[in-house]
């Protein structure tokens, strides 16, 4: 769950910190990377929460 939270924070932070002046392809590639990593973080977070709930009595 910590990894998922870190990934979401890091990739959203990167998205806001992209500087202007790059070619459009740069933004498309980084936008896809951000979207894929946020989806992966949500999947990992869901797995982590389910495992944590299952481990509790």
N, C-alpha and C. Protein backbone atom coordinates (compact mmCIF):
# COMPACT_ATOMS: atom_id res chain seq x y z
N UNK A 1 0.83 -1.18 0.00
CA UNK A 1 0.00 0.00 0.00
C UNK A 1 0.87 1.25 0.00
N UNK A 2 2.02 1.16 0.69
CA UNK A 2 2.94 2.30 0.71
C UNK A 2 3.51 2.56 -0.68
N UNK A 3 3.83 1.49 -1.40
CA UNK A 3 4.34 1.65 -2.77
C UNK A 3 3.30 2.30 -3.66
N UNK A 4 2.06 1.89 -3.53
CA UNK A 4 0.99 2.47 -4.34
C UNK A 4 0.84 3.96 -4.05
N UNK A 5 0.86 4.32 -2.77
CA UNK A 5 0.75 5.74 -2.40
C UNK A 5 1.93 6.54 -2.94
N UNK A 6 3.12 5.97 -2.84
CA UNK A 6 4.31 6.66 -3.35
C UNK A 6 4.22 6.85 -4.86
N UNK A 7 3.79 5.81 -5.57
CA UNK A 7 3.70 5.90 -7.03
C UNK A 7 2.71 6.98 -7.45
N UNK A 8 1.57 7.03 -6.79
CA UNK A 8 0.58 8.05 -7.15
C UNK A 8 1.14 9.44 -6.88
N UNK A 9 1.72 9.63 -5.70
CA UNK A 9 2.31 10.93 -5.37
C UNK A 9 3.39 11.32 -6.36
N UNK A 10 4.30 10.41 -6.64
CA UNK A 10 5.45 10.72 -7.50
C UNK A 10 5.03 11.05 -8.93
N UNK A 11 4.15 10.26 -9.50
CA UNK A 11 3.78 10.48 -10.89
C UNK A 11 2.89 11.69 -11.08
N UNK A 12 2.02 11.98 -10.11
CA UNK A 12 1.22 13.20 -10.21
C UNK A 12 2.14 14.41 -10.05
N UNK A 13 3.09 14.32 -9.14
CA UNK A 13 4.07 15.40 -8.96
C UNK A 13 4.86 15.62 -10.25
N UNK A 14 5.28 14.55 -10.89
CA UNK A 14 6.01 14.68 -12.16
C UNK A 14 5.13 15.36 -13.21
N UNK A 15 3.87 14.98 -13.26
CA UNK A 15 2.96 15.59 -14.23
C UNK A 15 2.85 17.09 -14.06
N UNK A 16 2.82 17.57 -12.82
CA UNK A 16 2.73 19.00 -12.57
C UNK A 16 4.06 19.71 -12.81
N UNK A 17 5.16 18.99 -12.75
CA UNK A 17 6.47 19.62 -12.88
C UNK A 17 7.03 19.60 -14.30
N UNK A 18 6.30 19.05 -15.24
CA UNK A 18 6.80 19.06 -16.61
C UNK A 18 6.84 20.50 -17.11
N UNK A 19 7.99 20.89 -17.63
CA UNK A 19 8.17 22.26 -18.10
C UNK A 19 7.62 22.42 -19.51
N UNK A 20 7.24 23.63 -19.83
CA UNK A 20 6.76 23.93 -21.18
C UNK A 20 7.93 23.96 -22.16
N UNK A 21 7.62 23.87 -23.42
CA UNK A 21 8.64 24.02 -24.44
C UNK A 21 9.12 22.71 -25.04
N UNK A 22 8.53 21.60 -24.67
CA UNK A 22 8.93 20.33 -25.25
C UNK A 22 8.02 20.01 -26.45
N UNK A 23 8.49 19.13 -27.33
CA UNK A 23 7.63 18.71 -28.43
C UNK A 23 6.41 17.95 -27.91
N UNK A 24 5.38 17.91 -28.71
CA UNK A 24 4.14 17.24 -28.33
C UNK A 24 4.36 15.78 -27.98
N UNK A 25 5.25 15.10 -28.69
CA UNK A 25 5.51 13.68 -28.44
C UNK A 25 6.02 13.47 -27.01
N UNK A 26 6.78 14.39 -26.50
CA UNK A 26 7.29 14.31 -25.12
C UNK A 26 6.13 14.26 -24.14
N UNK A 27 5.15 15.11 -24.33
CA UNK A 27 4.00 15.16 -23.43
C UNK A 27 3.10 13.94 -23.59
N UNK A 28 2.97 13.45 -24.82
CA UNK A 28 2.16 12.25 -25.05
C UNK A 28 2.80 11.05 -24.35
N UNK A 29 4.08 10.87 -24.52
CA UNK A 29 4.78 9.74 -23.89
C UNK A 29 4.71 9.83 -22.37
N UNK A 30 4.96 10.99 -21.82
CA UNK A 30 4.92 11.14 -20.36
C UNK A 30 3.49 11.03 -19.83
N UNK A 31 2.53 11.49 -20.60
CA UNK A 31 1.13 11.33 -20.20
C UNK A 31 0.73 9.87 -20.14
N UNK A 32 1.18 9.10 -21.12
CA UNK A 32 0.90 7.65 -21.12
C UNK A 32 1.61 6.99 -19.94
N UNK A 33 2.86 7.34 -19.69
CA UNK A 33 3.60 6.78 -18.55
C UNK A 33 2.90 7.10 -17.24
N UNK A 34 2.46 8.33 -17.08
CA UNK A 34 1.76 8.72 -15.86
C UNK A 34 0.48 7.93 -15.70
N UNK A 35 -0.31 7.83 -16.76
CA UNK A 35 -1.59 7.11 -16.69
C UNK A 35 -1.38 5.64 -16.35
N UNK A 36 -0.43 4.99 -17.02
CA UNK A 36 -0.17 3.57 -16.77
C UNK A 36 0.31 3.35 -15.34
N UNK A 37 1.20 4.19 -14.86
CA UNK A 37 1.71 4.02 -13.50
C UNK A 37 0.66 4.31 -12.44
N UNK A 38 -0.23 5.23 -12.68
CA UNK A 38 -1.31 5.48 -11.72
C UNK A 38 -2.27 4.29 -11.70
N UNK A 39 -2.56 3.71 -12.86
CA UNK A 39 -3.41 2.51 -12.91
C UNK A 39 -2.73 1.37 -12.16
N UNK A 40 -1.44 1.17 -12.39
CA UNK A 40 -0.71 0.13 -11.66
C UNK A 40 -0.72 0.38 -10.15
N UNK A 41 -0.58 1.63 -9.75
CA UNK A 41 -0.62 1.96 -8.33
C UNK A 41 -1.98 1.65 -7.73
N UNK A 42 -3.05 1.94 -8.47
CA UNK A 42 -4.39 1.63 -7.97
C UNK A 42 -4.60 0.12 -7.84
N UNK A 43 -4.10 -0.63 -8.81
CA UNK A 43 -4.20 -2.09 -8.74
C UNK A 43 -3.41 -2.62 -7.54
N UNK A 44 -2.17 -2.15 -7.37
CA UNK A 44 -1.36 -2.58 -6.23
C UNK A 44 -2.01 -2.19 -4.91
N UNK A 45 -2.56 -1.00 -4.85
CA UNK A 45 -3.23 -0.56 -3.63
C UNK A 45 -4.44 -1.42 -3.31
N UNK A 46 -5.21 -1.78 -4.33
CA UNK A 46 -6.37 -2.65 -4.13
C UNK A 46 -5.95 -4.02 -3.62
N UNK A 47 -4.91 -4.58 -4.21
CA UNK A 47 -4.39 -5.87 -3.76
C UNK A 47 -3.90 -5.77 -2.33
N UNK A 48 -3.21 -4.70 -2.00
CA UNK A 48 -2.70 -4.51 -0.65
C UNK A 48 -3.81 -4.38 0.38
N UNK A 49 -4.84 -3.63 0.06
CA UNK A 49 -5.96 -3.46 0.99
C UNK A 49 -6.69 -4.78 1.19
N UNK A 50 -6.92 -5.51 0.11
CA UNK A 50 -7.60 -6.80 0.23
C UNK A 50 -6.78 -7.78 1.07
N UNK A 51 -5.47 -7.81 0.85
CA UNK A 51 -4.62 -8.71 1.63
C UNK A 51 -4.60 -8.30 3.10
N UNK A 52 -4.58 -7.02 3.36
CA UNK A 52 -4.55 -6.53 4.73
C UNK A 52 -5.85 -6.89 5.46
N UNK A 53 -6.97 -6.73 4.77
CA UNK A 53 -8.27 -7.08 5.37
C UNK A 53 -8.40 -8.58 5.59
N UNK A 54 -7.89 -9.38 4.67
CA UNK A 54 -7.96 -10.83 4.79
C UNK A 54 -7.08 -11.35 5.93
N UNK A 55 -6.00 -10.67 6.22
CA UNK A 55 -5.10 -11.10 7.26
C UNK A 55 -5.57 -10.78 8.66
N UNK A 56 -6.57 -9.92 8.77
CA UNK A 56 -7.10 -9.54 10.08
C UNK A 56 -8.19 -10.52 10.51
N UNK A 57 -8.23 -10.87 11.80
CA UNK A 57 -9.27 -11.80 12.28
C UNK A 57 -10.66 -11.18 12.32
